[in-house]
PDB file of N, CA and C in Angstrom:
ATOM      1  N   MET A   1       0.845  -1.172   0.000  1.00  0.00           N
ATOM      2  CA  MET A   1       0.000   0.000   0.000  1.00  0.00           C
ATOM      3  C   MET A   1       0.890   1.234   0.000  1.00  0.00           C
ATOM      4  N   GLN A   2       0.517   2.191  -0.814  1.00  0.00           N
ATOM      5  CA  GLN A   2       1.295   3.421  -0.895  1.00  0.00           C
ATOM      6  C   GLN A   2       0.987   4.316   0.302  1.00  0.00           C
ATOM      7  N   TRP A   3       1.975   5.163   0.613  1.00  0.00           N
ATOM      8  CA  TRP A   3       1.859   6.020   1.781  1.00  0.00           C
ATOM      9  C   TRP A   3       0.656   6.953   1.689  1.00  0.00           C
ATOM     10  N   SER A   4       0.399   7.531   0.540  1.00  0.00           N
ATOM     11  CA  SER A   4      -0.707   8.491   0.420  1.00  0.00           C
ATOM     12  C   SER A   4      -2.041   7.827   0.751  1.00  0.00           C
ATOM     13  N   LYS A   5      -2.230   6.585   0.314  1.00  0.00           N
ATOM     14  CA  LYS A   5      -3.472   5.860   0.606  1.00  0.00           C
ATOM     15  C   LYS A   5      -3.545   5.517   2.091  1.00  0.00           C
ATOM     16  N   MET A   6      -2.429   5.068   2.661  1.00  0.00           N
ATOM     17  CA  MET A   6      -2.396   4.729   4.081  1.00  0.00           C
ATOM     18  C   MET A   6      -2.656   5.968   4.933  1.00  0.00           C
ATOM     19  N   LYS A   7      -2.065   7.093   4.554  1.00  0.00           N
ATOM     20  CA  LYS A   7      -2.251   8.349   5.284  1.00  0.00           C
ATOM     21  C   LYS A   7      -3.723   8.746   5.266  1.00  0.00           C
ATOM     22  N   GLU A   8      -4.366   8.604   4.119  1.00  0.00           N
ATOM     23  CA  GLU A   8      -5.790   8.911   3.997  1.00  0.00           C
ATOM     24  C   GLU A   8      -6.609   8.065   4.959  1.00  0.00           C
ATOM     25  N   GLN A   9      -6.326   6.757   4.999  1.00  0.00           N
ATOM     26  CA  GLN A   9      -7.069   5.849   5.872  1.00  0.00           C
ATOM     27  C   GLN A   9      -6.850   6.187   7.346  1.00  0.00           C
ATOM     28  N   ILE A  10      -5.614   6.470   7.717  1.00  0.00           N
ATOM     29  CA  ILE A  10      -5.315   6.794   9.121  1.00  0.00           C
ATOM     30  C   ILE A  10      -6.023   8.080   9.527  1.00  0.00           C
ATOM     31  N   GLU A  11      -5.930   9.105   8.698  1.00  0.00           N
ATOM     32  CA  GLU A  11      -6.543  10.390   9.039  1.00  0.00           C
ATOM     33  C   GLU A  11      -8.063  10.313   9.026  1.00  0.00           C
ATOM     34  N   SER A  12      -8.650   9.401   8.246  1.00  0.00           N
ATOM     35  CA  SER A  12     -10.109   9.258   8.226  1.00  0.00           C
ATOM     36  C   SER A  12     -10.629   8.648   9.524  1.00  0.00           C
ATOM     37  N   ARG A  13      -9.770   7.988  10.279  1.00  0.00           N
ATOM     38  CA  ARG A  13     -10.177   7.366  11.544  1.00  0.00           C
ATOM     39  C   ARG A  13     -10.091   8.332  12.730  1.00  0.00           C
ATOM     40  N   LEU A  14      -9.606   9.526  12.494  1.00  0.00           N
ATOM     41  CA  LEU A  14      -9.529  10.525  13.566  1.00  0.00           C
ATOM     42  C   LEU A  14     -10.917  11.093  13.846  1.00  0.00           C
ATOM     43  N   CYS A  15     -11.139  11.503  15.090  1.00  0.00           N
ATOM     44  CA  CYS A  15     -12.418  12.141  15.421  1.00  0.00           C
ATOM     45  C   CYS A  15     -12.474  13.525  14.766  1.00  0.00           C
ATOM     46  N   GLU A  16     -13.665  14.067  14.679  1.00  0.00           N
ATOM     47  CA  GLU A  16     -13.884  15.346  13.981  1.00  0.00           C
ATOM     48  C   GLU A  16     -13.020  16.475  14.552  1.00  0.00           C
ATOM     49  N   SER A  17     -12.891  16.514  15.875  1.00  0.00           N
ATOM     50  CA  SER A  17     -12.155  17.624  16.491  1.00  0.00           C
ATOM     51  C   SER A  17     -10.652  17.578  16.176  1.00  0.00           C
ATOM     52  N   LEU A  18     -10.134  16.401  15.797  1.00  0.00           N
ATOM     53  CA  LEU A  18      -8.701  16.283  15.503  1.00  0.00           C
ATOM     54  C   LEU A  18      -8.387  16.339  14.011  1.00  0.00           C
ATOM     55  N   ARG A  19      -9.387  16.183  13.166  1.00  0.00           N
ATOM     56  CA  ARG A  19      -9.141  16.215  11.715  1.00  0.00           C
ATOM     57  C   ARG A  19      -8.612  17.584  11.313  1.00  0.00           C
ATOM     58  N   GLY A  20      -7.531  17.573  10.590  1.00  0.00           N
ATOM     59  CA  GLY A  20      -6.896  18.816  10.165  1.00  0.00           C
ATOM     60  C   GLY A  20      -5.900  19.350  11.179  1.00  0.00           C
ATOM     61  N   ARG A  21      -6.005  18.902  12.414  1.00  0.00           N
ATOM     62  CA  ARG A  21      -5.070  19.340  13.456  1.00  0.00           C
ATOM     63  C   ARG A  21      -3.922  18.346  13.624  1.00  0.00           C
ATOM     64  N   VAL A  22      -4.239  17.049  13.453  1.00  0.00           N
ATOM     65  CA  VAL A  22      -3.216  16.010  13.527  1.00  0.00           C
ATOM     66  C   VAL A  22      -2.863  15.608  12.102  1.00  0.00           C
ATOM     67  N   VAL A  23      -1.567  15.677  11.781  1.00  0.00           N
ATOM     68  CA  VAL A  23      -1.112  15.352  10.430  1.00  0.00           C
ATOM     69  C   VAL A  23       0.028  14.342  10.534  1.00  0.00           C
ATOM     70  N   TYR A  24      -0.040  13.319   9.685  1.00  0.00           N
ATOM     71  CA  TYR A  24       1.001  12.290   9.613  1.00  0.00           C
ATOM     72  C   TYR A  24       1.854  12.557   8.382  1.00  0.00           C
ATOM     73  N   ASN A  25       3.164  12.495   8.542  1.00  0.00           N
ATOM     74  CA  ASN A  25       4.084  12.762   7.433  1.00  0.00           C
ATOM     75  C   ASN A  25       5.135  11.661   7.358  1.00  0.00           C
ATOM     76  N   SER A  26       5.613  11.420   6.151  1.00  0.00           N
ATOM     77  CA  SER A  26       6.668  10.435   5.960  1.00  0.00           C
ATOM     78  C   SER A  26       7.493  10.823   4.742  1.00  0.00           C
ATOM     79  N   THR A  27       8.777  10.557   4.809  1.00  0.00           N
ATOM     80  CA  THR A  27       9.648  10.797   3.662  1.00  0.00           C
ATOM     81  C   THR A  27      10.774   9.779   3.660  1.00  0.00           C
ATOM     82  N   ARG A  28      11.302   9.506   2.502  1.00  0.00           N
ATOM     83  CA  ARG A  28      12.455   8.618   2.329  1.00  0.00           C
ATOM     84  C   ARG A  28      13.560   9.414   1.659  1.00  0.00           C
ATOM     85  N   TYR A  29      14.780   9.158   2.077  1.00  0.00           N
ATOM     86  CA  TYR A  29      15.922   9.820   1.464  1.00  0.00           C
ATOM     87  C   TYR A  29      16.461   8.886   0.385  1.00  0.00           C
ATOM     88  N   ARG A  30      16.127   9.160  -0.860  1.00  0.00           N
ATOM     89  CA  ARG A  30      16.438   8.251  -1.966  1.00  0.00           C
ATOM     90  C   ARG A  30      17.932   8.052  -2.174  1.00  0.00           C
ATOM     91  N   GLY A  31      18.718   9.061  -1.947  1.00  0.00           N
ATOM     92  CA  GLY A  31      20.157   8.943  -2.163  1.00  0.00           C
ATOM     93  C   GLY A  31      20.866   8.156  -1.076  1.00  0.00           C
ATOM     94  N   SER A  32      20.163   7.842  -0.032  1.00  0.00           N
ATOM     95  CA  SER A  32      20.775   7.156   1.099  1.00  0.00           C
ATOM     96  C   SER A  32      21.004   5.683   0.769  1.00  0.00           C
ATOM     97  N   HIS A  33      22.178   5.183   1.115  1.00  0.00           N
ATOM     98  CA  HIS A  33      22.507   3.790   0.813  1.00  0.00           C
ATOM     99  C   HIS A  33      21.792   2.809   1.728  1.00  0.00           C
ATOM    100  N   ASP A  34      21.337   3.261   2.890  1.00  0.00           N
ATOM    101  CA  ASP A  34      20.702   2.356   3.842  1.00  0.00           C
ATOM    102  C   ASP A  34      19.205   2.625   3.998  1.00  0.00           C
ATOM    103  N   LYS A  35      18.601   3.236   3.001  1.00  0.00           N
ATOM    104  CA  LYS A  35      17.161   3.498   2.957  1.00  0.00           C
ATOM    105  C   LYS A  35      16.677   4.277   4.180  1.00  0.00           C
ATOM    106  N   ALA A  36      17.418   5.295   4.538  1.00  0.00           N
ATOM    107  CA  ALA A  36      17.037   6.121   5.677  1.00  0.00           C
ATOM    108  C   ALA A  36      15.761   6.879   5.354  1.00  0.00           C
ATOM    109  N   GLY A  37      15.012   7.183   6.386  1.00  0.00           N
ATOM    110  CA  GLY A  37      13.778   7.915   6.183  1.00  0.00           C
ATOM    111  C   GLY A  37      13.365   8.631   7.445  1.00  0.00           C
ATOM    112  N   ARG A  38      12.230   9.295   7.342  1.00  0.00           N
ATOM    113  CA  ARG A  38      11.740  10.052   8.483  1.00  0.00           C
ATOM    114  C   ARG A  38      10.222  10.054   8.443  1.00  0.00           C
ATOM    115  N   SER A  39       9.618   9.838   9.577  1.00  0.00           N
ATOM    116  CA  SER A  39       8.177   9.967   9.739  1.00  0.00           C
ATOM    117  C   SER A  39       7.952  10.816  10.971  1.00  0.00           C
ATOM    118  N   TRP A  40       6.908  11.621  10.949  1.00  0.00           N
ATOM    119  CA  TRP A  40       6.620  12.444  12.104  1.00  0.00           C
ATOM    120  C   TRP A  40       5.134  12.753  12.158  1.00  0.00           C
ATOM    121  N   ILE A  41       4.680  13.036  13.359  1.00  0.00           N
ATOM    122  CA  ILE A  41       3.278  13.383  13.593  1.00  0.00           C
ATOM    123  C   ILE A  41       3.252  14.798  14.137  1.00  0.00           C
ATOM    124  N   THR A  42       2.396  15.626  13.551  1.00  0.00           N
ATOM    125  CA  THR A  42       2.266  17.004  14.034  1.00  0.00           C
ATOM    126  C   THR A  42       0.869  17.223  14.585  1.00  0.00           C
ATOM    127  N   PHE A  43       0.791  18.078  15.574  1.00  0.00           N
ATOM    128  CA  PHE A  43      -0.486  18.504  16.152  1.00  0.00           C
ATOM    129  C   PHE A  43      -0.448  20.022  16.196  1.00  0.00           C
ATOM    130  N   ASP A  44      -1.374  20.643  15.515  1.00  0.00           N
ATOM    131  CA  ASP A  44      -1.390  22.108  15.370  1.00  0.00           C
ATOM    132  C   ASP A  44      -0.025  22.617  14.891  1.00  0.00           C
ATOM    133  N   ASN A  45       0.518  21.974  13.894  1.00  0.00           N
ATOM    134  CA  ASN A  45       1.791  22.322  13.239  1.00  0.00           C
ATOM    135  C   ASN A  45       3.013  22.230  14.154  1.00  0.00           C
ATOM    136  N   GLU A  46       2.905  21.492  15.241  1.00  0.00           N
ATOM    137  CA  GLU A  46       4.048  21.232  16.119  1.00  0.00           C
ATOM    138  C   GLU A  46       4.329  19.742  16.098  1.00  0.00           C
ATOM    139  N   ILE A  47       5.590  19.388  15.927  1.00  0.00           N
ATOM    140  CA  ILE A  47       5.953  17.968  15.902  1.00  0.00           C
ATOM    141  C   ILE A  47       5.807  17.405  17.313  1.00  0.00           C
ATOM    142  N   ILE A  48       4.938  16.390  17.433  1.00  0.00           N
ATOM    143  CA  ILE A  48       4.757  15.768  18.748  1.00  0.00           C
ATOM    144  C   ILE A  48       5.493  14.431  18.842  1.00  0.00           C
ATOM    145  N   HIS A  49       5.790  13.832  17.685  1.00  0.00           N
ATOM    146  CA  HIS A  49       6.597  12.607  17.695  1.00  0.00           C
ATOM    147  C   HIS A  49       7.357  12.504  16.384  1.00  0.00           C
ATOM    148  N   ASP A  50       8.631  12.112  16.488  1.00  0.00           N
ATOM    149  CA  ASP A  50       9.508  12.045  15.319  1.00  0.00           C
ATOM    150  C   ASP A  50      10.130  10.656  15.246  1.00  0.00           C
ATOM    151  N   PHE A  51      10.014  10.011  14.101  1.00  0.00           N
ATOM    152  CA  PHE A  51      10.575   8.681  13.888  1.00  0.00           C
ATOM    153  C   PHE A  51      11.738   8.747  12.905  1.00  0.00           C
ATOM    154  N   CYS A  52      12.618   9.689  13.061  1.00  0.00           N
ATOM    155  CA  CYS A  52      13.702   9.905  12.100  1.00  0.00           C
ATOM    156  C   CYS A  52      14.812   8.875  12.312  1.00  0.00           C
ATOM    157  N   THR A  53      15.093   8.069  11.288  1.00  0.00           N
ATOM    158  CA  THR A  53      16.135   7.045  11.415  1.00  0.00           C
ATOM    159  C   THR A  53      17.523   7.663  11.494  1.00  0.00           C
ATOM    160  N   VAL A  54      17.720   8.800  10.841  1.00  0.00           N
ATOM    161  CA  VAL A  54      19.028   9.457  10.883  1.00  0.00           C
ATOM    162  C   VAL A  54      19.306   9.960  12.296  1.00  0.00           C
ATOM    163  N   LYS A  55      18.332  10.649  12.901  1.00  0.00           N
ATOM    164  CA  LYS A  55      18.499  11.137  14.277  1.00  0.00           C
ATOM    165  C   LYS A  55      18.644   9.971  15.245  1.00  0.00           C
ATOM    166  N   LEU A  56      17.839   8.921  15.005  1.00  0.00           N
ATOM    167  CA  LEU A  56      17.893   7.756  15.881  1.00  0.00           C
ATOM    168  C   LEU A  56      19.274   7.116  15.852  1.00  0.00           C
ATOM    169  N   ARG A  57      19.828   6.967  14.661  1.00  0.00           N
ATOM    170  CA  ARG A  57      21.172   6.383  14.548  1.00  0.00           C
ATOM    171  C   ARG A  57      22.223   7.287  15.177  1.00  0.00           C
ATOM    172  N   TYR A  58      22.075   8.582  14.998  1.00  0.00           N
ATOM    173  CA  TYR A  58      23.015   9.528  15.600  1.00  0.00           C
ATOM    174  C   TYR A  58      22.967   9.406  17.123  1.00  0.00           C
ATOM    175  N   GLU A  59      21.743   9.415  17.680  1.00  0.00           N
ATOM    176  CA  GLU A  59      21.598   9.299  19.133  1.00  0.00           C
ATOM    177  C   GLU A  59      22.122   7.953  19.626  1.00  0.00           C
ATOM    178  N   PHE A  60      21.875   6.902  18.844  1.00  0.00           N
ATOM    179  CA  PHE A  60      22.380   5.580  19.206  1.00  0.00           C
ATOM    180  C   PHE A  60      23.903   5.589  19.245  1.00  0.00           C
ATOM    181  N   ASN A  61      24.534   6.186  18.241  1.00  0.00           N
ATOM    182  CA  ASN A  61      25.998   6.243  18.194  1.00  0.00           C
ATOM    183  C   ASN A  61      26.562   7.055  19.354  1.00  0.00           C
ATOM    184  N   ILE A  62      25.907   8.165  19.696  1.00  0.00           N
ATOM    185  CA  ILE A  62      26.348   8.974  20.843  1.00  0.00           C
ATOM    186  C   ILE A  62      26.262   8.144  22.122  1.00  0.00           C
ATOM    187  N   ALA A  63      25.135   7.444  22.313  1.00  0.00           N
ATOM    188  CA  ALA A  63      24.961   6.610  23.505  1.00  0.00           C
ATOM    189  C   ALA A  63      26.002   5.489  23.538  1.00  0.00           C
ATOM    190  N   ALA A  64      26.264   4.870  22.393  1.00  0.00           N
ATOM    191  CA  ALA A  64      27.259   3.794  22.330  1.00  0.00           C
ATOM    192  C   ALA A  64      28.649   4.320  22.677  1.00  0.00           C
ATOM    193  N   ASP A  65      28.981   5.513  22.201  1.00  0.00           N
ATOM    194  CA  ASP A  65      30.281   6.115  22.525  1.00  0.00           C
ATOM    195  C   ASP A  65      30.403   6.386  24.018  1.00  0.00           C
ATOM    196  N   ARG A  66      29.328   6.890  24.623  1.00  0.00           N
ATOM    197  CA  ARG A  66      29.354   7.150  26.074  1.00  0.00           C
ATOM    198  C   ARG A  66      29.549   5.858  26.853  1.00  0.00           C
ATOM    199  N   ILE A  67      28.824   4.822  26.451  1.00  0.00           N
ATOM    200  CA  ILE A  67      28.952   3.534  27.133  1.00  0.00           C
ATOM    201  C   ILE A  67      30.372   3.003  26.982  1.00  0.00           C
ATOM    202  N   ARG A  68      30.926   3.115  25.779  1.00  0.00           N
ATOM    203  CA  ARG A  68      32.289   2.644  25.523  1.00  0.00           C
ATOM    204  C   ARG A  68      33.286   3.400  26.401  1.00  0.00           C
ATOM    205  N   GLU A  69      33.133   4.725  26.498  1.00  0.00           N
ATOM    206  CA  GLU A  69      34.036   5.522  27.340  1.00  0.00           C
ATOM    207  C   GLU A  69      33.899   5.129  28.805  1.00  0.00           C
ATOM    208  N   ASP A  70      32.650   4.923  29.260  1.00  0.00           N
ATOM    209  CA  ASP A  70      32.436   4.508  30.646  1.00  0.00           C
ATOM    210  C   ASP A  70      33.087   3.158  30.921  1.00  0.00           C
ATOM    211  N   LEU A  71      32.966   2.234  29.970  1.00  0.00           N
ATOM    212  CA  LEU A  71      33.584   0.923  30.148  1.00  0.00           C
ATOM    213  C   LEU A  71      35.100   1.032  30.226  1.00  0.00           C
ATOM    214  N   ILE A  72      35.673   1.869  29.383  1.00  0.00           N
ATOM    215  CA  ILE A  72      37.127   2.056  29.406  1.00  0.00           C
ATOM    216  C   ILE A  72      37.561   2.608  30.762  1.00  0.00           C
ATOM    217  N   LEU A  73      36.804   3.588  31.284  1.00  0.00           N
ATOM    218  CA  LEU A  73      37.125   4.137  32.602  1.00  0.00           C
ATOM    219  C   LEU A  73      36.981   3.080  33.687  1.00  0.00           C
ATOM    220  N   MET A  74      35.906   2.286  33.606  1.00  0.00           N
ATOM    221  CA  MET A  74      35.690   1.246  34.609  1.00  0.00           C
ATOM    222  C   MET A  74      36.799   0.204  34.567  1.00  0.00           C
ATOM    223  N   ILE A  75      37.210  -0.184  33.359  1.00  0.00           N
ATOM    224  CA  ILE A  75      38.290  -1.163  33.224  1.00  0.00           C
ATOM    225  C   ILE A  75      39.580  -0.598  33.814  1.00  0.00           C
ATOM    226  N   GLY A  76      39.848   0.685  33.557  1.00  0.00           N
ATOM    227  CA  GLY A  76      41.031   1.325  34.129  1.00  0.00           C
ATOM    228  C   GLY A  76      40.991   1.328  35.646  1.00  0.00           C
ATOM    229  N   GLU A  77      39.813   1.632  36.212  1.00  0.00           N
ATOM    230  CA  GLU A  77      39.678   1.632  37.671  1.00  0.00           C
ATOM    231  C   GLU A  77      39.882   0.233  38.235  1.00  0.00           C
ATOM    232  N   ILE A  78      39.320  -0.762  37.565  1.00  0.00           N
ATOM    233  CA  ILE A  78      39.475  -2.145  38.022  1.00  0.00           C
ATOM    234  C   ILE A  78      40.944  -2.552  37.977  1.00  0.00           C
ATOM    235  N   GLN A  79      41.634  -2.183  36.901  1.00  0.00           N
ATOM    236  CA  GLN A  79      43.056  -2.524  36.796  1.00  0.00           C
ATOM    237  C   GLN A  79      43.861  -1.819  37.878  1.00  0.00           C
ATOM    238  N   ASN A  80      43.522  -0.554  38.170  1.00  0.00           N
ATOM    239  CA  ASN A  80      44.226   0.163  39.237  1.00  0.00           C
ATOM    240  C   ASN A  80      43.993  -0.511  40.582  1.00  0.00           C
ATOM    241  N   LYS A  81      42.752  -0.927  40.841  1.00  0.00           N
ATOM    242  CA  LYS A  81      42.459  -1.614  42.099  1.00  0.00           C
ATOM    243  C   LYS A  81      43.218  -2.928  42.168  1.00  0.00           C
ATOM    244  N   ARG A  82      43.237  -3.652  41.046  1.00  0.00           N
ATOM    245  CA  ARG A  82      43.938  -4.934  41.006  1.00  0.00           C
ATOM    246  C   ARG A  82      45.427  -4.735  41.279  1.00  0.00           C
ATOM    247  N   MET A  83      46.013  -3.696  40.677  1.00  0.00           N
ATOM    248  CA  MET A  83      47.436  -3.425  40.900  1.00  0.00           C
ATOM    249  C   MET A  83      47.689  -3.068  42.358  1.00  0.00           C
ATOM    250  N   GLY A  84      46.774  -2.291  42.943  1.00  0.00           N
ATOM    251  CA  GLY A  84      46.916  -1.947  44.351  1.00  0.00           C
ATOM    252  C   GLY A  84      46.847  -3.175  45.236  1.00  0.00           C
ATOM    253  N   ILE A  85      45.924  -4.068  44.926  1.00  0.00           N
ATOM    254  CA  ILE A  85      45.797  -5.305  45.699  1.00  0.00           C
ATOM    255  C   ILE A  85      47.051  -6.154  45.539  1.00  0.00           C
ATOM    256  N   MET A  86      47.554  -6.239  44.315  1.00  0.00           N
ATOM    257  CA  MET A  86      48.766  -7.032  44.080  1.00  0.00           C
ATOM    258  C   MET A  86      49.953  -6.459  44.852  1.00  0.00           C
ATOM    259  N   LYS A  87      50.087  -5.130  44.859  1.00  0.00           N
ATOM    260  CA  LYS A  87      51.197  -4.506  45.589  1.00  0.00           C
ATOM    261  C   LYS A  87      51.070  -4.779  47.082  1.00  0.00           C
ATOM    262  N   ARG A  88      49.841  -4.617  47.618  1.00  0.00           N
ATOM    263  CA  ARG A  88      49.633  -4.873  49.048  1.00  0.00           C
ATOM    264  C   ARG A  88      49.906  -6.339  49.386  1.00  0.00           C
ATOM    265  N   THR A  89      49.496  -7.227  48.495  1.00  0.00           N
ATOM    266  CA  THR A  89      49.725  -8.654  48.726  1.00  0.00           C
ATOM    267  C   THR A  89      51.219  -8.962  48.738  1.00  0.00           C
ATOM    268  N   LYS A  90      51.955  -8.398  47.794  1.00  0.00           N
ATOM    269  CA  LYS A  90      53.403  -8.624  47.747  1.00  0.00           C
ATOM    270  C   LYS A  90      54.077  -8.100  49.011  1.00  0.00           C
ATOM    271  N   LEU A  91      53.649  -6.904  49.461  1.00  0.00           N
ATOM    272  CA  LEU A  91      54.220  -6.352  50.694  1.00  0.00           C
ATOM    273  C   LEU A  91      53.907  -7.251  51.882  1.00  0.00           C
ATOM    274  N   GLN A  92      52.659  -7.724  51.952  1.00  0.00           N
ATOM    275  CA  GLN A  92      52.267  -8.582  53.062  1.00  0.00           C
ATOM    276  C   GLN A  92      53.046  -9.893  53.037  1.00  0.00           C
ATOM    277  N   MET A  93      53.222 -10.455  51.849  1.00  0.00           N
ATOM    278  CA  MET A  93      53.980 -11.707  51.741  1.00  0.00           C
ATOM    279  C   MET A  93      55.439 -11.495  52.142  1.00  0.00           C
ATOM    280  N   LYS A  94      55.987 -10.336  51.781  1.00  0.00           N
ATOM    281  CA  LYS A  94      57.370 -10.035  52.168  1.00  0.00           C
ATOM    282  C   LYS A  94      57.468  -9.942  53.690  1.00  0.00           C
ATOM    283  N   LYS A  95      56.466  -9.281  54.309  1.00  0.00           N
ATOM    284  CA  LYS A  95      56.460  -9.193  55.775  1.00  0.00           C
ATOM    285  C   LYS A  95      56.378 -10.581  56.388  1.00  0.00           C
ATOM    286  N   TRP A  96      55.521 -11.437  55.833  1.00  0.00           N
ATOM    287  CA  TRP A  96      55.382 -12.797  56.360  1.00  0.00           C
ATOM    288  C   TRP A  96      56.683 -13.572  56.209  1.00  0.00           C
ATOM    289  N   LYS A  97      57.331 -13.411  55.058  1.00  0.00           N
ATOM    290  CA  LYS A  97      58.600 -14.115  54.848  1.00  0.00           C
ATOM    291  C   LYS A  97      59.643 -13.628  55.842  1.00  0.00           C
ATOM    292  N   ASP A  98      59.683 -12.312  56.072  1.00  0.00           N
ATOM    293  CA  ASP A  98      60.631 -11.768  57.054  1.00  0.00           C
ATOM    294  C   ASP A  98      60.332 -12.318  58.437  1.00  0.00           C
ATOM    295  N   LYS A  99      59.054 -12.387  58.791  1.00  0.00           N
ATOM    296  CA  LYS A  99      58.676 -12.922  60.104  1.00  0.00           C
ATOM    297  C   LYS A  99      59.050 -14.391  60.202  1.00  0.00           C
ATOM    298  N   GLU A 100      58.798 -15.148  59.134  1.00  0.00           N
ATOM    299  CA  GLU A 100      59.149 -16.570  59.145  1.00  0.00           C
ATOM    300  C   GLU A 100      60.653 -16.736  59.316  1.00  0.00           C
ATOM    301  N   TYR A 101      61.419 -15.892  58.662  1.00  0.00           N
ATOM    302  CA  TYR A 101      62.874 -15.951  58.766  1.00  0.00           C
ATOM    303  C   TYR A 101      63.295 -15.669  60.201  1.00  0.00           C
ATOM    304  N   ILE A 102      62.683 -14.629  60.779  1.00  0.00           N
ATOM    305  CA  ILE A 102      63.011 -14.282  62.176  1.00  0.00           C
ATOM    306  C   ILE A 102      62.596 -15.415  63.102  1.00  0.00           C
ATOM    307  N   ILE A 103      61.411 -15.964  62.869  1.00  0.00           N
ATOM    308  CA  ILE A 103      60.941 -17.071  63.708  1.00  0.00           C
ATOM    309  C   ILE A 103      61.877 -18.266  63.574  1.00  0.00           C
ATOM    310  N   SER A 104      62.276 -18.568  62.340  1.00  0.00           N
ATOM    311  CA  SER A 104      63.164 -19.725  62.148  1.00  0.00           C
ATOM    312  C   SER A 104      64.526 -19.478  62.810  1.00  0.00           C
ATOM    313  N   LEU A 105      65.047 -18.235  62.774  1.00  0.00           N
ATOM    314  CA  LEU A 105      66.311 -17.930  63.459  1.00  0.00           C
ATOM    315  C   LEU A 105      66.152 -18.087  64.966  1.00  0.00           C
ATOM    316  N   ASN A 106      65.055 -17.591  65.502  1.00  0.00           N
ATOM    317  CA  ASN A 106      64.797 -17.734  66.937  1.00  0.00           C
ATOM    318  C   ASN A 106      64.675 -19.204  67.317  1.00  0.00           C
ATOM    319  N   SER A 107      64.054 -19.976  66.451  1.00  0.00           N
ATOM    320  CA  SER A 107      63.900 -21.409  66.735  1.00  0.00           C
ATOM    321  C   SER A 107      65.255 -22.094  66.771  1.00  0.00           C
ATOM    322  N   ILE A 108      66.128 -21.727  65.851  1.00  0.00           N
ATOM    323  CA  ILE A 108      67.468 -22.320  65.810  1.00  0.00           C
ATOM    324  C   ILE A 108      68.241 -21.947  67.073  1.00  0.00           C
ATOM    325  N   LYS A 109      68.132 -20.682  67.494  1.00  0.00           N
ATOM    326  CA  LYS A 109      68.823 -20.240  68.711  1.00  0.00           C
ATOM    327  C   LYS A 109      68.301 -21.003  69.917  1.00  0.00           C
ATOM    328  N   GLN A 110      66.989 -21.182  69.957  1.00  0.00           N
ATOM    329  CA  GLN A 110      66.409 -21.912  71.083  1.00  0.00           C
ATOM    330  C   GLN A 110      66.871 -23.365  71.087  1.00  0.00           C
ATOM    331  N   LEU A 111      66.953 -23.946  69.909  1.00  0.00           N
ATOM    332  CA  LEU A 111      67.405 -25.337  69.823  1.00  0.00           C
ATOM    333  C   LEU A 111      68.866 -25.470  70.274  1.00  0.00           C
ATOM    334  N   LYS A 112      69.682 -24.474  69.944  1.00  0.00           N
ATOM    335  CA  LYS A 112      71.089 -24.514  70.351  1.00  0.00           C
ATOM    336  C   LYS A 112      71.211 -24.407  71.871  1.00  0.00           C
ATOM    337  N   ASN A 113      70.299 -23.645  72.478  1.00  0.00           N
ATOM    338  CA  ASN A 113      70.342 -23.465  73.926  1.00  0.00           C
ATOM    339  C   ASN A 113      69.892 -24.719  74.672  1.00  0.00           C
ATOM    340  N   ILE A 114      69.207 -25.608  74.037  1.00  0.00           N
ATOM    341  CA  ILE A 114      68.694 -26.802  74.729  1.00  0.00           C
ATOM    342  C   ILE A 114      69.776 -27.796  74.980  1.00  0.00           C
TER     343      ILE A 114
END
């Protein structure tokens, strides 16, 4: 069904008070390689809803970029936390090794005294 016929049918189903006030519009961008288009509904010559694929894709790309940047920041924070944990663990293990060494020296001294 062609758009002009569909538009006629849709507008004929509107109540009397809305006829002429609510208008449905649609267009296709023929030069576009991905069949981009735009549809919108106006009420008293003001756009109340817009179905523009170009704007939608633009907004989608902006949102995807923000999510990607947030993920990169989160990954960086996780790596920093992991490095901090690794450093603290290495320090703690070094302290434990030093304590074990001291304990083993004390044990040897005690054994010699027996």
